[in-house]
N, C-alpha and C. Protein backbone atom coordinates (compact mmCIF):
# COMPACT_ATOMS: atom_id res chain seq x y z
N MET A 1 0.85 -1.16 0.00
CA MET A 1 0.00 0.00 0.00
C MET A 1 0.90 1.22 0.00
N SER A 2 0.65 2.10 -0.94
CA SER A 2 1.45 3.32 -0.96
C SER A 2 1.10 4.17 0.24
N ALA A 3 2.07 4.91 0.68
CA ALA A 3 1.88 5.72 1.89
C ALA A 3 0.77 6.75 1.70
N SER A 4 0.68 7.33 0.51
CA SER A 4 -0.35 8.35 0.29
C SER A 4 -1.75 7.74 0.30
N GLU A 5 -1.90 6.55 -0.27
CA GLU A 5 -3.21 5.90 -0.26
C GLU A 5 -3.60 5.46 1.15
N LYS A 6 -2.62 4.99 1.91
CA LYS A 6 -2.88 4.59 3.28
C LYS A 6 -3.32 5.80 4.10
N ALA A 7 -2.64 6.92 3.92
CA ALA A 7 -2.99 8.14 4.64
C ALA A 7 -4.38 8.62 4.23
N ARG A 8 -4.67 8.51 2.94
CA ARG A 8 -5.99 8.93 2.45
C ARG A 8 -7.10 8.08 3.07
N ALA A 9 -6.87 6.77 3.16
CA ALA A 9 -7.86 5.87 3.75
C ALA A 9 -8.07 6.18 5.23
N LYS A 10 -6.98 6.39 5.94
CA LYS A 10 -7.08 6.71 7.37
C LYS A 10 -7.77 8.05 7.58
N ALA A 11 -7.48 9.02 6.70
CA ALA A 11 -8.12 10.34 6.81
C ALA A 11 -9.62 10.23 6.58
N GLU A 12 -10.02 9.43 5.60
CA GLU A 12 -11.44 9.22 5.35
C GLU A 12 -12.13 8.60 6.56
N GLN A 13 -11.46 7.64 7.17
CA GLN A 13 -12.03 7.00 8.35
C GLN A 13 -12.16 8.00 9.50
N ALA A 14 -11.14 8.85 9.68
CA ALA A 14 -11.17 9.83 10.76
C ALA A 14 -12.27 10.87 10.54
N VAL A 15 -12.40 11.33 9.30
CA VAL A 15 -13.45 12.31 8.99
C VAL A 15 -14.82 11.68 9.23
N GLY A 16 -14.97 10.44 8.81
CA GLY A 16 -16.24 9.75 9.03
C GLY A 16 -16.58 9.61 10.49
N LYS A 17 -15.57 9.31 11.28
CA LYS A 17 -15.80 9.17 12.72
C LYS A 17 -16.20 10.51 13.34
N ALA A 18 -15.56 11.59 12.88
CA ALA A 18 -15.87 12.92 13.40
C ALA A 18 -17.28 13.36 13.00
N VAL A 19 -17.65 13.11 11.75
CA VAL A 19 -18.99 13.48 11.28
C VAL A 19 -20.05 12.67 12.02
N GLN A 20 -19.76 11.40 12.23
CA GLN A 20 -20.70 10.54 12.95
C GLN A 20 -20.88 11.04 14.39
N ALA A 21 -19.79 11.42 15.03
CA ALA A 21 -19.87 11.93 16.40
C ALA A 21 -20.66 13.23 16.45
N ALA A 22 -20.45 14.10 15.45
CA ALA A 22 -21.21 15.36 15.40
C ALA A 22 -22.69 15.08 15.22
N GLY A 23 -23.00 14.10 14.40
CA GLY A 23 -24.40 13.72 14.19
C GLY A 23 -25.03 13.19 15.46
N ARG A 24 -24.28 12.39 16.20
CA ARG A 24 -24.81 11.87 17.46
C ARG A 24 -25.01 12.98 18.48
N ALA A 25 -24.08 13.93 18.51
CA ALA A 25 -24.17 15.03 19.48
C ALA A 25 -25.37 15.92 19.21
N THR A 26 -25.71 16.09 17.93
CA THR A 26 -26.83 16.96 17.58
C THR A 26 -28.12 16.19 17.35
N GLY A 27 -28.04 14.86 17.31
CA GLY A 27 -29.23 14.06 17.07
C GLY A 27 -29.63 14.04 15.60
N ASN A 28 -28.69 14.36 14.72
CA ASN A 28 -28.96 14.43 13.29
C ASN A 28 -28.66 13.08 12.63
N GLU A 29 -29.70 12.37 12.24
CA GLU A 29 -29.55 11.04 11.66
C GLU A 29 -28.81 11.07 10.32
N LYS A 30 -29.02 12.13 9.54
CA LYS A 30 -28.34 12.23 8.25
C LYS A 30 -26.83 12.34 8.43
N LEU A 31 -26.39 13.11 9.42
CA LEU A 31 -24.96 13.23 9.69
C LEU A 31 -24.38 11.90 10.15
N ILE A 32 -25.11 11.20 10.97
CA ILE A 32 -24.65 9.89 11.44
C ILE A 32 -24.46 8.96 10.25
N ALA A 33 -25.41 8.96 9.33
CA ALA A 33 -25.33 8.12 8.14
C ALA A 33 -24.16 8.52 7.24
N LYS A 34 -23.96 9.84 7.08
CA LYS A 34 -22.84 10.31 6.26
C LYS A 34 -21.51 9.90 6.88
N GLY A 35 -21.43 9.96 8.19
CA GLY A 35 -20.22 9.55 8.89
C GLY A 35 -19.94 8.08 8.70
N ARG A 36 -20.97 7.27 8.81
CA ARG A 36 -20.81 5.82 8.60
C ARG A 36 -20.36 5.53 7.17
N ALA A 37 -20.93 6.26 6.22
CA ALA A 37 -20.57 6.06 4.81
C ALA A 37 -19.11 6.43 4.56
N ALA A 38 -18.66 7.52 5.15
CA ALA A 38 -17.27 7.94 4.97
C ALA A 38 -16.31 6.92 5.60
N GLN A 39 -16.67 6.41 6.75
CA GLN A 39 -15.85 5.38 7.39
C GLN A 39 -15.80 4.13 6.53
N ALA A 40 -16.92 3.74 5.99
CA ALA A 40 -16.97 2.54 5.14
C ALA A 40 -16.12 2.75 3.89
N ALA A 41 -16.15 3.94 3.32
CA ALA A 41 -15.33 4.23 2.14
C ALA A 41 -13.85 4.13 2.49
N GLY A 42 -13.47 4.61 3.65
CA GLY A 42 -12.08 4.52 4.08
C GLY A 42 -11.65 3.08 4.29
N HIS A 43 -12.52 2.29 4.89
CA HIS A 43 -12.21 0.87 5.10
C HIS A 43 -12.10 0.15 3.75
N ALA A 44 -12.99 0.48 2.82
CA ALA A 44 -12.96 -0.15 1.51
C ALA A 44 -11.66 0.20 0.77
N ARG A 45 -11.25 1.47 0.84
CA ARG A 45 -10.01 1.89 0.19
C ARG A 45 -8.81 1.16 0.79
N GLU A 46 -8.81 1.04 2.12
CA GLU A 46 -7.71 0.35 2.79
C GLU A 46 -7.66 -1.12 2.38
N THR A 47 -8.81 -1.77 2.31
CA THR A 47 -8.88 -3.16 1.91
C THR A 47 -8.41 -3.35 0.47
N LYS A 48 -8.85 -2.45 -0.40
CA LYS A 48 -8.45 -2.53 -1.81
C LYS A 48 -6.93 -2.43 -1.94
N GLU A 49 -6.34 -1.49 -1.24
CA GLU A 49 -4.89 -1.31 -1.32
C GLU A 49 -4.15 -2.51 -0.72
N SER A 50 -4.68 -3.08 0.34
CA SER A 50 -4.06 -4.26 0.94
C SER A 50 -4.10 -5.44 -0.02
N LEU A 51 -5.22 -5.60 -0.72
CA LEU A 51 -5.34 -6.68 -1.71
C LEU A 51 -4.37 -6.46 -2.87
N LYS A 52 -4.20 -5.22 -3.28
CA LYS A 52 -3.23 -4.93 -4.35
C LYS A 52 -1.83 -5.30 -3.90
N ASP A 53 -1.49 -4.98 -2.66
CA ASP A 53 -0.17 -5.32 -2.14
C ASP A 53 0.02 -6.83 -2.07
N THR A 54 -1.00 -7.54 -1.66
CA THR A 54 -0.92 -9.00 -1.56
C THR A 54 -0.67 -9.60 -2.93
N GLY A 55 -1.30 -9.05 -3.95
CA GLY A 55 -1.12 -9.54 -5.31
C GLY A 55 0.27 -9.29 -5.85
N ARG A 56 0.96 -8.30 -5.35
CA ARG A 56 2.29 -7.95 -5.82
C ARG A 56 3.37 -8.85 -5.24
N ARG A 57 3.06 -9.54 -4.16
CA ARG A 57 4.05 -10.36 -3.49
C ARG A 57 4.28 -11.67 -4.16
């Protein structure tokens, strides 16, 4: 996994966690859902890059 892609995946996960927390604090269901979606996108990107690395070995 390239360092930039790994950082991008972790950043997406962190943003998602922050948005989800903001949604919970305000009781906004849409924000909670957006946060979960951003976290899922970060996890998917991380998994994709890990699979690419595994294929290169």
